[in-house]
Amino acid sequence: MSNNELKGLEVYGLKNLGEIKKNLTAPELYEEILNNNEGQLAKGGSMVCLTGAVTGRSPNDKFIVEEDSTKNDVNWSKGNVPISQEKFDALYNKLCAYLQQKDVYVQECYAGADEASRIKVRAINTYAWQNLFIRNMFIQEPDAAKLENFTADFTILCCPDFKGDPEIDGINSENFVILNFAKKIVIIGGTCYAGEMKKSIFTVMNYLLPKQDIMSMHCSANIGKEGDVALFFGLSGTGKTTLSTDQDRALIGDDEHGWDDKGVFNIEGGCYAKVINLSKEMEPDIFKTTQMHGTILENVVMDAERNCDLDDDSITENTRASYPLESIENIEPSGKGGLPKNIIFLTYDAFGVLPPVSKLTVPQAMYHFISGYTAKVAGTEKGVTEPKAVFSSCFGEPFMVWHPSVYAKLLGDKIVKNNVTCYLVNTGLTGGPHGVGSRFKISHTREIITSILNGDIDKSEFVEDEIFGFGIPKTLGNIPSDVIHPEESWGDAAAYKAQLTQLAQDFKANFKKYEEGTDAEIIAGGPRV
């Protein structure tokens, strides 16, 4: 395809490109991937691709251009590092020069299932497999004729083999992910990890949607047969994907959503699931996708006979599968649902002190939302030898552009307006800290989730926790009392109280950095220590 046949590409300053391949289908991209030696076909039809040295996000390499439109909006912080327009322009010009005579792949799609607030996304890739990733992860236009005059609202320009120069370009390494809201473009170089493209557009939506009084959320969502919608927030390892995938409830989306006056909508058109140690028994729907045509398996180990070993972490623990949402059987095809009835914050408490379920007031919900608590346990990360409290504001701090209180106020307003019930569900340890306690049984956690979604938990009498202030059901179905009330499973009541108090102090210490600009009502939703 000649440059003249692809309307709009010239506006990026791209000249003398090689062949431009636009909106190729998955089978066509498979052919390109194999012809370019970018990946290998596995048994079942999935495509295995490697990302090289970088196997995850590079948080220290992400920048936002500081200019008039962002200067006073962005919560400049460790996750939102400014770079000047001049540095961006110089690096961008070098990137355009690098692309001369190189073939590129272009996909045009949408971010956002809601037509009123969606944005049109154009991705320009040098790798065919990354262009297939875009096709999997974003929403496709079913009417090809509508793509003839496609004008992008935001563009991704991703060139993994182009490396930056920290000394010249004002960046931290040869990798870079730079968002320019004024020019409506994301440039990515040095890193081949495809998740950077997905999360860049999520970051864009996290900036744009709140301007329209729409809540943007790092969560999964499903919908019951009666039309009741549930949201699941949780960091990695808390069970968000497992618990939101339910044979009795249709999946709206796995990871990123918006919430407007009409209801909830998926921002994406696909899933990017972590697949290390994935089992057919525990997560059959996701497991099935690993053996489907169209799925990209990122950094998964494959033997000589093309069998994938999902338990092998020799390349990375962060192995991933990218697949269209349609690969899951029980989905809501519109990507939309009504107003939420329940919100569930998931945490993995490795200290063994939080109850398996707690009912939150509105201020408590906003406080825990800003906190975004979970815990890392020994052995999961280099240097972690004992349980460590981890906080990620809004359950997605690296992708949030505004101050966390902006998102919390939006959430609180929508909770009150729509009479939404909020719960904190602990999928972590009970009976003692890591090394002593044991993980809550998945059967008990599923019973808790079911009781929330069908309303049975509302029949319980709740008691108030003296430190955290949330409500704990006295009894719940057939779940033993010492499961509902962890202090009963500890052999030492004083040790339990001391550990709970320490966790509360960790919450308070973490929250200090958010207190400026946060309403007193939200701060009052925290623990009392």
Protein backbone atom coordinates (compact mmCIF):
# COMPACT_ATOMS: atom_id res chain seq x y z
CA MET A 1 0.00 0.00 0.00
CA SER A 2 1.45 3.36 -0.96
CA ASN A 3 1.64 6.30 1.41
CA ASN A 4 -1.01 8.15 -0.58
CA GLU A 5 -3.50 5.35 -0.06
CA LEU A 6 -3.32 5.63 3.71
CA LYS A 7 -5.04 8.85 4.68
CA GLY A 8 -3.86 10.47 7.85
CA LEU A 9 -0.43 8.85 8.27
CA GLU A 10 1.38 11.80 6.75
CA VAL A 11 0.23 14.04 9.59
CA TYR A 12 2.70 12.24 11.86
CA GLY A 13 5.67 13.47 9.85
CA LEU A 14 6.40 9.93 8.67
CA LYS A 15 8.07 9.99 5.25
CA ASN A 16 9.61 7.42 2.91
CA LEU A 17 8.15 4.47 4.77
CA GLY A 18 8.41 0.98 3.39
CA GLU A 19 5.24 -1.04 2.92
CA ILE A 20 2.25 0.07 5.00
CA LYS A 21 -0.07 -2.78 6.00
CA LYS A 22 -3.38 -1.53 7.31
CA ASN A 23 -6.02 -3.30 9.44
CA LEU A 24 -4.84 -6.81 8.66
CA THR A 25 -6.98 -9.61 10.10
CA ALA A 26 -5.66 -12.10 12.65
CA PRO A 27 -4.91 -14.78 9.98
CA GLU A 28 -3.10 -12.21 7.84
CA LEU A 29 -1.05 -11.05 10.82
CA TYR A 30 -0.23 -14.68 11.65
CA GLU A 31 1.31 -14.98 8.19
CA GLU A 32 3.32 -11.79 8.72
CA ILE A 33 4.54 -12.93 12.14
CA LEU A 34 5.74 -16.26 10.77
CA ASN A 35 7.28 -14.72 7.64
CA ASN A 36 9.16 -12.20 9.81
CA ASN A 37 10.27 -14.88 12.31
CA GLU A 38 8.64 -12.88 15.11
CA GLY A 39 6.94 -15.85 16.77
CA GLN A 40 6.25 -19.56 16.72
CA LEU A 41 2.99 -21.44 16.32
CA ALA A 42 2.09 -23.61 19.32
CA LYS A 43 -0.11 -26.69 19.46
CA GLY A 44 -3.72 -25.59 19.43
CA GLY A 45 -3.00 -22.51 17.32
CA SER A 46 -1.76 -19.83 19.72
CA MET A 47 1.25 -17.71 18.76
CA VAL A 48 4.24 -17.67 21.12
CA CYS A 49 6.26 -14.44 21.06
CA LEU A 50 9.22 -13.33 23.17
CA THR A 51 9.88 -9.79 24.37
CA GLY A 52 13.61 -10.11 24.93
CA ALA A 53 15.29 -8.55 27.94
CA VAL A 54 12.23 -6.53 29.03
CA THR A 55 9.44 -8.83 30.24
CA GLY A 56 7.24 -6.34 32.07
CA ARG A 57 6.37 -2.68 32.35
CA SER A 58 9.20 -0.18 32.81
CA PRO A 59 7.66 2.22 35.36
CA ASN A 60 10.83 4.31 35.59
CA ASP A 61 10.75 4.91 31.84
CA LYS A 62 7.26 6.42 31.57
CA PHE A 63 6.90 10.18 31.04
CA ILE A 64 4.15 12.71 30.36
CA VAL A 65 4.93 15.84 28.35
CA GLU A 66 4.46 18.88 30.56
CA GLU A 67 2.71 21.60 28.57
CA ASP A 68 -0.14 24.08 29.03
CA SER A 69 -2.95 21.51 28.91
CA THR A 70 -1.38 19.16 31.49
CA LYS A 71 0.68 21.44 33.72
CA ASN A 72 -2.03 22.01 36.33
CA ASP A 73 -3.99 18.77 35.87
CA VAL A 74 -1.45 15.98 36.26
CA ASN A 75 -0.54 14.69 39.70
CA TRP A 76 3.21 14.96 39.06
CA SER A 77 4.76 12.14 41.04
CA LYS A 78 6.94 9.06 40.76
CA GLY A 79 4.38 7.55 38.39
CA ASN A 80 3.80 10.74 36.38
CA VAL A 81 7.21 12.16 35.55
CA PRO A 82 7.34 15.32 33.40
CA ILE A 83 9.40 15.70 30.24
CA SER A 84 9.63 18.88 28.20
CA GLN A 85 7.98 19.43 24.83
CA GLU A 86 11.43 20.18 23.39
CA LYS A 87 12.87 16.83 24.51
CA PHE A 88 9.81 15.04 23.14
CA ASP A 89 10.07 16.78 19.76
CA ALA A 90 13.76 15.96 19.39
CA LEU A 91 13.24 12.29 20.24
CA TYR A 92 10.17 12.09 18.01
CA ASN A 93 12.08 13.49 15.04
CA LYS A 94 14.77 10.86 15.51
CA LEU A 95 12.08 8.18 15.67
CA CYS A 96 10.54 9.38 12.39
CA ALA A 97 13.96 9.33 10.72
CA TYR A 98 14.53 5.79 12.01
CA LEU A 99 11.29 4.61 10.40
CA GLN A 100 12.25 5.63 6.88
CA GLN A 101 12.21 2.62 4.51
CA LYS A 102 10.77 0.41 7.26
CA ASP A 103 7.53 -1.55 6.88
CA VAL A 104 4.80 -0.70 9.39
CA TYR A 105 1.54 -2.28 10.50
CA VAL A 106 -1.47 -0.10 11.28
CA GLN A 107 -4.59 -0.98 13.28
CA GLU A 108 -7.54 1.37 13.74
CA CYS A 109 -9.91 0.61 16.60
CA TYR A 110 -11.67 2.03 19.66
CA ALA A 111 -11.05 2.34 23.38
CA GLY A 112 -14.40 2.35 25.18
CA ALA A 113 -17.56 0.35 24.49
CA ASP A 114 -19.73 3.40 25.14
CA GLU A 115 -20.12 5.29 21.88
CA ALA A 116 -20.48 8.69 23.56
CA SER A 117 -17.12 8.67 25.35
CA ARG A 118 -14.98 6.24 23.36
CA ILE A 119 -11.84 7.38 21.60
CA LYS A 120 -10.54 6.30 18.20
CA VAL A 121 -7.10 4.74 18.48
CA ARG A 122 -4.58 4.21 15.70
CA ALA A 123 -1.56 2.00 16.39
CA ILE A 124 1.52 2.08 14.16
CA ASN A 125 3.82 -0.88 14.82
CA THR A 126 7.05 -2.21 13.40
CA TYR A 127 6.22 -5.73 14.68
CA ALA A 128 3.28 -7.67 13.27
CA TRP A 129 2.72 -9.55 16.55
CA GLN A 130 2.34 -6.28 18.44
CA ASN A 131 -0.18 -5.14 15.83
CA LEU A 132 -2.12 -8.36 16.50
CA PHE A 133 -1.93 -7.52 20.21
CA ILE A 134 -3.62 -4.19 19.46
CA ARG A 135 -6.27 -5.98 17.41
CA ASN A 136 -6.92 -8.34 20.31
CA MET A 137 -6.96 -5.75 23.07
CA PHE A 138 -9.05 -2.95 21.63
CA ILE A 139 -12.56 -2.78 20.16
CA GLN A 140 -12.91 -3.52 16.45
CA GLU A 141 -15.13 -1.62 14.03
CA PRO A 142 -17.42 -4.24 12.40
CA ASP A 143 -18.19 -1.99 9.42
CA ALA A 144 -14.98 -1.74 7.37
CA ALA A 145 -16.44 1.18 5.38
CA LYS A 146 -16.34 3.35 8.52
CA LEU A 147 -12.56 2.96 8.63
CA GLU A 148 -12.13 4.66 5.26
CA ASN A 149 -12.23 8.12 6.83
CA PHE A 150 -10.87 7.13 10.24
CA THR A 151 -9.39 10.08 12.15
CA ALA A 152 -7.57 9.02 15.31
CA ASP A 153 -8.19 10.73 18.64
CA PHE A 154 -4.97 9.19 19.97
CA THR A 155 -2.11 7.37 18.27
CA ILE A 156 0.43 4.82 19.47
CA LEU A 157 3.76 4.77 17.66
CA CYS A 158 5.62 1.69 18.91
CA CYS A 159 9.15 0.85 17.69
CA PRO A 160 10.86 -1.57 20.11
CA ASP A 161 14.14 -1.70 18.18
CA PHE A 162 14.59 2.07 18.36
CA LYS A 163 16.48 2.87 21.54
CA GLY A 164 16.74 6.22 23.26
CA ASP A 165 19.87 7.90 24.63
CA PRO A 166 19.44 8.93 28.28
CA GLU A 167 22.16 11.58 28.15
CA ILE A 168 20.70 13.30 25.10
CA ASP A 169 16.97 12.55 25.30
CA GLY A 170 16.28 13.37 28.96
CA ILE A 171 15.09 9.83 29.76
CA ASN A 172 16.30 7.25 32.28
CA SER A 173 17.35 4.38 30.00
CA GLU A 174 17.21 3.29 26.37
CA ASN A 175 13.53 2.37 26.99
CA PHE A 176 10.85 5.04 26.90
CA VAL A 177 7.07 5.41 27.03
CA ILE A 178 6.05 9.04 26.54
CA LEU A 179 2.47 10.37 26.49
CA ASN A 180 1.85 13.69 24.79
CA PHE A 181 -1.71 14.86 25.48
CA ALA A 182 -1.32 18.04 23.42
CA LYS A 183 -0.24 16.16 20.30
CA LYS A 184 -2.41 13.14 21.16
CA ILE A 185 0.28 10.56 20.65
CA VAL A 186 2.18 7.93 22.65
CA ILE A 187 5.68 6.98 21.55
CA ILE A 188 7.27 3.74 22.76
CA GLY A 189 10.80 2.53 22.12
CA GLY A 190 13.43 0.20 23.53
CA THR A 191 10.90 -2.16 25.09
CA CYS A 192 9.08 -4.99 23.32
CA TYR A 193 6.65 -5.63 26.19
CA ALA A 194 3.23 -5.21 24.57
CA GLY A 195 1.49 -4.28 27.81
CA GLU A 196 2.98 -0.79 27.54
CA MET A 197 0.59 -0.03 24.66
CA LYS A 198 -2.47 -1.25 26.53
CA LYS A 199 -1.61 0.66 29.70
CA SER A 200 -0.74 3.83 27.80
CA ILE A 201 -4.24 4.06 26.37
CA PHE A 202 -5.71 3.23 29.78
CA THR A 203 -3.68 6.16 31.16
CA VAL A 204 -5.13 8.35 28.41
CA MET A 205 -8.67 7.31 29.37
CA ASN A 206 -7.87 7.92 33.05
CA TYR A 207 -7.14 11.51 32.09
CA LEU A 208 -10.00 12.11 29.65
CA LEU A 209 -12.97 10.36 31.31
CA PRO A 210 -12.97 12.25 34.66
CA LYS A 211 -13.16 15.49 32.65
CA GLN A 212 -16.59 14.21 31.53
CA ASP A 213 -17.63 13.20 35.08
CA ILE A 214 -17.06 9.56 34.12
CA MET A 215 -15.27 7.29 36.58
CA SER A 216 -12.35 5.37 35.06
CA MET A 217 -11.47 2.17 36.90
CA HIS A 218 -8.79 -0.51 37.00
CA CYS A 219 -11.22 -3.33 37.75
CA SER A 220 -13.11 -6.28 36.29
CA ALA A 221 -16.89 -6.33 35.94
CA ASN A 222 -19.59 -8.94 35.47
CA ILE A 223 -23.36 -8.98 35.24
CA GLY A 224 -25.95 -11.37 36.68
CA LYS A 225 -29.02 -12.81 35.00
CA GLU A 226 -31.14 -10.13 36.66
CA GLY A 227 -28.97 -7.37 35.22
CA ASP A 228 -27.10 -6.67 38.46
CA VAL A 229 -23.54 -5.46 37.88
CA ALA A 230 -20.59 -6.12 40.20
CA LEU A 231 -17.15 -4.48 40.13
CA PHE A 232 -13.99 -6.22 41.35
CA PHE A 233 -10.95 -4.11 42.26
CA GLY A 234 -7.70 -5.82 43.22
CA LEU A 235 -3.96 -5.88 42.62
CA SER A 236 -2.08 -8.83 41.14
CA GLY A 237 -2.48 -12.05 43.12
CA THR A 238 -5.72 -11.11 44.88
CA GLY A 239 -7.98 -13.24 42.65
CA LYS A 240 -9.65 -10.51 40.57
CA THR A 241 -9.66 -12.49 37.31
CA THR A 242 -10.59 -15.78 38.97
CA LEU A 243 -13.47 -14.41 41.02
CA SER A 244 -14.98 -12.22 38.31
CA THR A 245 -15.05 -15.13 35.84
CA ASP A 246 -18.25 -16.88 36.89
CA GLN A 247 -20.28 -19.44 34.95
CA ASP A 248 -23.49 -17.88 36.32
CA ARG A 249 -22.54 -14.31 35.45
CA ALA A 250 -21.49 -12.79 32.13
CA LEU A 251 -18.11 -11.07 31.99
CA ILE A 252 -18.34 -7.43 30.91
CA GLY A 253 -14.58 -6.99 30.98
CA ASP A 254 -11.43 -8.17 32.67
CA ASP A 255 -9.36 -5.12 33.55
CA GLU A 256 -10.42 -1.58 32.58
CA HIS A 257 -13.84 0.09 32.79
CA GLY A 258 -15.67 3.38 32.79
CA TRP A 259 -18.78 4.27 34.82
CA ASP A 260 -21.11 6.97 33.50
CA ASP A 261 -24.72 7.92 34.25
CA LYS A 262 -26.02 4.98 32.19
CA GLY A 263 -23.83 2.30 33.74
CA VAL A 264 -20.53 0.48 33.33
CA PHE A 265 -18.68 -0.10 30.07
CA ASN A 266 -15.52 -1.96 29.12
CA ILE A 267 -12.66 0.16 27.82
CA GLU A 268 -11.08 -2.81 26.06
CA GLY A 269 -12.05 -5.49 23.57
CA GLY A 270 -9.80 -8.22 24.92
CA CYS A 271 -7.98 -9.71 27.90
CA TYR A 272 -4.31 -9.70 28.90
CA ALA A 273 -4.22 -12.47 31.46
CA LYS A 274 -1.26 -13.59 33.52
CA VAL A 275 -0.86 -17.32 32.80
CA ILE A 276 1.96 -18.53 35.04
CA ASN A 277 0.78 -21.73 36.77
CA LEU A 278 -2.59 -21.42 35.04
CA SER A 279 -4.56 -24.64 35.49
CA LYS A 280 -7.41 -26.13 33.50
CA GLU A 281 -9.18 -27.05 36.74
CA MET A 282 -9.03 -23.63 38.46
CA GLU A 283 -9.54 -21.34 35.45
CA PRO A 284 -10.90 -23.44 32.57
CA ASP A 285 -12.11 -20.50 30.45
CA ILE A 286 -8.77 -18.71 30.45
CA PHE A 287 -6.84 -21.97 30.06
CA LYS A 288 -8.83 -22.76 26.93
CA THR A 289 -7.73 -19.51 25.29
CA THR A 290 -4.06 -20.55 25.55
CA GLN A 291 -4.78 -23.17 22.89
CA MET A 292 -6.76 -20.98 20.50
CA HIS A 293 -5.90 -19.39 17.18
CA GLY A 294 -5.51 -15.63 17.63
CA THR A 295 -4.11 -15.80 21.16
CA ILE A 296 -0.65 -14.35 21.73
CA LEU A 297 1.35 -16.12 24.43
CA GLU A 298 4.00 -13.73 25.67
CA ASN A 299 7.24 -15.25 27.06
CA VAL A 300 5.67 -18.68 27.56
CA VAL A 301 8.13 -21.60 27.32
CA MET A 302 7.45 -24.11 24.52
CA ASP A 303 9.16 -27.45 23.91
CA ALA A 304 10.36 -28.95 20.61
CA GLU A 305 6.95 -30.51 19.99
CA ARG A 306 5.23 -27.12 20.35
CA ASN A 307 3.68 -27.88 23.75
CA CYS A 308 3.47 -24.87 26.08
CA ASP A 309 4.52 -25.27 29.71
CA LEU A 310 2.50 -22.72 31.68
CA ASP A 311 4.32 -23.66 34.89
CA ASP A 312 7.75 -22.76 33.52
CA ASP A 313 8.90 -19.32 34.72
CA SER A 314 12.46 -19.61 33.37
CA ILE A 315 11.90 -16.59 31.07
CA THR A 316 9.75 -14.62 33.49
CA GLU A 317 7.00 -15.11 36.06
CA ASN A 318 5.07 -12.45 34.13
CA THR A 319 3.93 -14.74 31.28
CA ARG A 320 0.84 -13.39 29.53
CA ALA A 321 -1.94 -14.33 27.13
CA SER A 322 -3.58 -11.71 24.91
CA TYR A 323 -6.89 -12.74 23.35
CA PRO A 324 -10.16 -11.17 22.20
CA LEU A 325 -12.95 -11.11 24.76
CA GLU A 326 -15.00 -13.30 22.39
CA SER A 327 -12.61 -16.17 23.19
CA ILE A 328 -14.39 -16.44 26.56
CA GLU A 329 -17.76 -18.18 26.32
CA ASN A 330 -19.81 -16.38 28.96
CA ILE A 331 -19.41 -12.69 28.11
CA GLU A 332 -21.62 -9.66 27.70
CA PRO A 333 -21.03 -9.00 23.97
CA SER A 334 -21.93 -5.32 24.13
CA GLY A 335 -19.19 -4.68 26.70
CA LYS A 336 -21.74 -2.70 28.68
CA GLY A 337 -23.89 -3.17 31.78
CA GLY A 338 -26.19 -1.14 33.97
CA LEU A 339 -25.34 0.73 37.15
CA PRO A 340 -23.34 -1.32 39.70
CA LYS A 341 -25.09 -2.89 42.64
CA ASN A 342 -21.98 -4.12 44.48
CA ILE A 343 -18.31 -3.14 44.62
CA ILE A 344 -15.78 -5.63 45.92
CA PHE A 345 -12.26 -4.56 46.88
CA LEU A 346 -9.98 -7.62 46.90
CA THR A 347 -6.83 -7.84 48.97
CA TYR A 348 -4.30 -10.52 49.86
CA ASP A 349 -3.44 -9.88 53.50
CA ALA A 350 -0.26 -11.86 54.20
CA PHE A 351 -0.32 -10.81 57.86
CA GLY A 352 -3.40 -12.97 58.50
CA VAL A 353 -5.42 -10.37 60.41
CA LEU A 354 -8.07 -8.95 58.07
CA PRO A 355 -11.40 -10.80 58.03
CA PRO A 356 -12.43 -12.57 54.81
CA VAL A 357 -15.23 -10.05 54.29
CA SER A 358 -15.99 -6.60 55.69
CA LYS A 359 -18.78 -4.17 54.85
CA LEU A 360 -17.58 -0.60 54.19
CA THR A 361 -19.23 2.75 54.73
CA VAL A 362 -18.88 5.28 51.91
CA PRO A 363 -15.92 7.12 53.54
CA GLN A 364 -14.27 3.77 54.27
CA ALA A 365 -14.79 2.69 50.66
CA MET A 366 -13.12 5.86 49.40
CA TYR A 367 -10.27 5.46 51.91
CA HIS A 368 -9.60 1.85 50.94
CA PHE A 369 -9.92 2.75 47.26
CA ILE A 370 -7.22 5.41 47.60
CA SER A 371 -5.09 3.04 49.68
CA GLY A 372 -5.26 0.05 47.30
CA TYR A 373 -3.80 -2.41 49.82
CA THR A 374 -2.41 -5.88 49.36
CA ALA A 375 0.75 -7.62 50.65
CA LYS A 376 3.74 -9.34 49.12
CA VAL A 377 4.96 -12.52 50.74
CA ALA A 378 8.43 -13.94 51.11
CA GLY A 379 9.78 -15.52 47.96
CA THR A 380 7.58 -13.63 45.48
CA GLU A 381 10.04 -10.80 44.92
CA LYS A 382 13.79 -10.41 45.28
CA GLY A 383 14.66 -9.00 48.68
CA VAL A 384 11.26 -9.76 50.26
CA THR A 385 11.97 -12.07 53.21
CA GLU A 386 8.81 -11.45 55.23
CA PRO A 387 5.31 -10.11 54.51
CA LYS A 388 5.33 -6.56 53.21
CA ALA A 389 2.36 -4.20 52.94
CA VAL A 390 1.93 -2.83 49.42
CA PHE A 391 -0.26 0.13 48.49
CA SER A 392 -1.23 1.22 44.97
CA SER A 393 -3.68 4.11 44.97
CA CYS A 394 -6.97 3.47 43.17
CA PHE A 395 -5.75 -0.13 42.66
CA GLY A 396 -3.77 1.16 39.67
CA GLU A 397 -1.44 3.97 40.75
CA PRO A 398 0.96 3.79 37.75
CA PHE A 399 -1.90 4.60 35.36
CA MET A 400 -3.72 7.34 37.27
CA VAL A 401 -3.10 10.86 35.99
CA TRP A 402 -5.11 13.02 38.40
CA HIS A 403 -4.64 13.16 42.18
CA PRO A 404 -6.16 10.00 43.74
CA SER A 405 -8.76 12.11 45.55
CA VAL A 406 -10.27 13.10 42.17
CA TYR A 407 -11.06 9.46 41.41
CA ALA A 408 -12.14 8.79 45.00
CA LYS A 409 -14.63 11.69 44.98
CA LEU A 410 -16.06 10.50 41.66
CA LEU A 411 -16.41 7.01 43.07
CA GLY A 412 -17.98 8.24 46.31
CA ASP A 413 -20.52 10.40 44.47
CA LYS A 414 -21.57 7.49 42.27
CA ILE A 415 -21.79 5.10 45.24
CA VAL A 416 -24.12 7.48 47.08
CA LYS A 417 -26.18 8.41 44.01
CA ASN A 418 -26.75 4.76 43.04
CA ASN A 419 -26.93 3.25 46.53
CA VAL A 420 -24.05 0.84 45.86
CA THR A 421 -22.87 -1.53 48.60
CA CYS A 422 -19.11 -1.92 49.11
CA TYR A 423 -17.14 -4.79 50.62
CA LEU A 424 -13.50 -5.55 51.37
CA VAL A 425 -12.77 -9.24 50.68
CA ASN A 426 -9.50 -10.75 51.92
CA THR A 427 -8.28 -13.71 49.86
CA GLY A 428 -5.02 -13.94 51.82
CA LEU A 429 -4.02 -15.66 55.04
CA THR A 430 -5.80 -16.55 58.27
CA GLY A 431 -4.64 -18.11 61.56
CA GLY A 432 -1.34 -16.25 61.58
CA PRO A 433 1.12 -14.46 59.30
CA HIS A 434 3.01 -15.96 56.38
CA GLY A 435 4.78 -19.14 57.50
CA VAL A 436 2.17 -19.79 60.21
CA GLY A 437 -1.27 -19.10 58.77
CA SER A 438 -2.92 -20.68 55.77
CA ARG A 439 -4.77 -19.15 52.83
CA PHE A 440 -8.54 -18.83 53.00
CA LYS A 441 -10.12 -21.73 51.13
CA ILE A 442 -11.27 -20.75 47.67
CA SER A 443 -14.59 -22.45 48.45
CA HIS A 444 -15.12 -20.07 51.38
CA THR A 445 -14.16 -17.05 49.25
CA ARG A 446 -16.54 -18.08 46.49
CA GLU A 447 -19.33 -18.57 49.06
CA ILE A 448 -18.66 -15.05 50.35
CA ILE A 449 -18.75 -13.56 46.84
CA THR A 450 -21.98 -15.43 46.10
CA SER A 451 -23.57 -14.20 49.33
CA ILE A 452 -22.68 -10.61 48.39
CA LEU A 453 -24.03 -10.90 44.86
CA ASN A 454 -27.28 -12.68 45.76
CA GLY A 455 -27.94 -10.49 48.82
CA ASP A 456 -27.72 -13.25 51.45
CA ILE A 457 -25.03 -11.34 53.33
CA ASP A 458 -27.58 -8.57 53.97
CA LYS A 459 -29.39 -10.93 56.33
CA SER A 460 -26.34 -11.05 58.61
CA GLU A 461 -25.88 -9.04 61.77
CA PHE A 462 -22.64 -7.02 61.60
CA VAL A 463 -20.23 -6.10 64.37
CA GLU A 464 -17.86 -3.15 64.09
CA ASP A 465 -14.12 -3.77 64.13
CA GLU A 466 -12.63 -1.63 66.90
CA ILE A 467 -9.57 -0.56 64.87
CA PHE A 468 -10.62 -0.45 61.21
CA GLY A 469 -14.25 0.40 61.92
CA PHE A 470 -15.72 -1.74 59.14
CA GLY A 471 -18.58 -4.17 59.68
CA ILE A 472 -17.91 -7.90 60.06
CA PRO A 473 -20.82 -10.37 59.80
CA LYS A 474 -21.34 -12.34 63.01
CA THR A 475 -22.23 -15.41 60.96
CA LEU A 476 -22.40 -16.15 57.26
CA GLY A 477 -23.92 -19.30 55.78
CA ASN A 478 -21.93 -22.44 56.50
CA ILE A 479 -18.60 -20.68 56.92
CA PRO A 480 -17.01 -21.50 60.32
CA SER A 481 -16.87 -18.74 62.92
CA ASP A 482 -13.05 -18.88 63.17
CA VAL A 483 -12.86 -18.17 59.43
CA ILE A 484 -15.19 -15.16 59.58
CA HIS A 485 -13.39 -13.87 62.69
CA PRO A 486 -9.63 -14.44 62.26
CA GLU A 487 -8.80 -13.59 65.87
CA GLU A 488 -10.46 -16.88 66.84
CA SER A 489 -8.01 -18.81 64.66
CA TRP A 490 -4.93 -17.19 66.21
CA GLY A 491 -3.60 -18.97 69.26
CA ASP A 492 -2.51 -15.69 70.83
CA ALA A 493 -5.11 -12.89 71.05
CA ALA A 494 -2.50 -10.29 72.06
CA ALA A 495 -0.31 -11.17 69.07
CA TYR A 496 -3.33 -10.86 66.78
CA LYS A 497 -4.20 -7.42 68.18
CA ALA A 498 -0.61 -6.24 67.86
CA GLN A 499 -0.40 -7.37 64.22
CA LEU A 500 -3.74 -5.77 63.35
CA THR A 501 -2.63 -2.53 64.99
CA GLN A 502 0.63 -2.59 63.04
CA LEU A 503 -1.24 -3.03 59.76
CA ALA A 504 -3.50 -0.10 60.68
CA GLN A 505 -0.42 2.02 61.32
CA ASP A 506 0.94 1.01 57.90
CA PHE A 507 -2.31 2.25 56.35
CA LYS A 508 -2.05 5.56 58.20
CA ALA A 509 1.60 6.07 57.27
CA ASN A 510 0.91 5.37 53.61
CA PHE A 511 -2.09 7.70 53.50
CA LYS A 512 -0.13 10.73 54.72
CA LYS A 513 1.08 11.45 51.19
CA TYR A 514 -2.54 11.78 50.02
CA GLU A 515 -3.92 13.85 52.90
CA GLU A 516 -3.20 17.20 51.26
CA GLY A 517 -6.08 17.76 48.85
CA THR A 518 -8.19 14.93 50.29
CA ASP A 519 -11.47 15.65 52.10
CA ALA A 520 -11.54 15.14 55.86
CA GLU A 521 -14.52 12.79 55.42
CA ILE A 522 -12.36 10.38 53.39
CA ILE A 523 -9.47 10.58 55.87
CA ALA A 524 -11.93 9.75 58.67
CA GLY A 525 -12.70 6.49 56.84
CA GLY A 526 -9.31 5.12 57.83
CA PRO A 527 -8.37 3.00 60.85
CA ARG A 528 -8.44 4.43 64.36
CA VAL A 529 -4.94 4.17 65.84
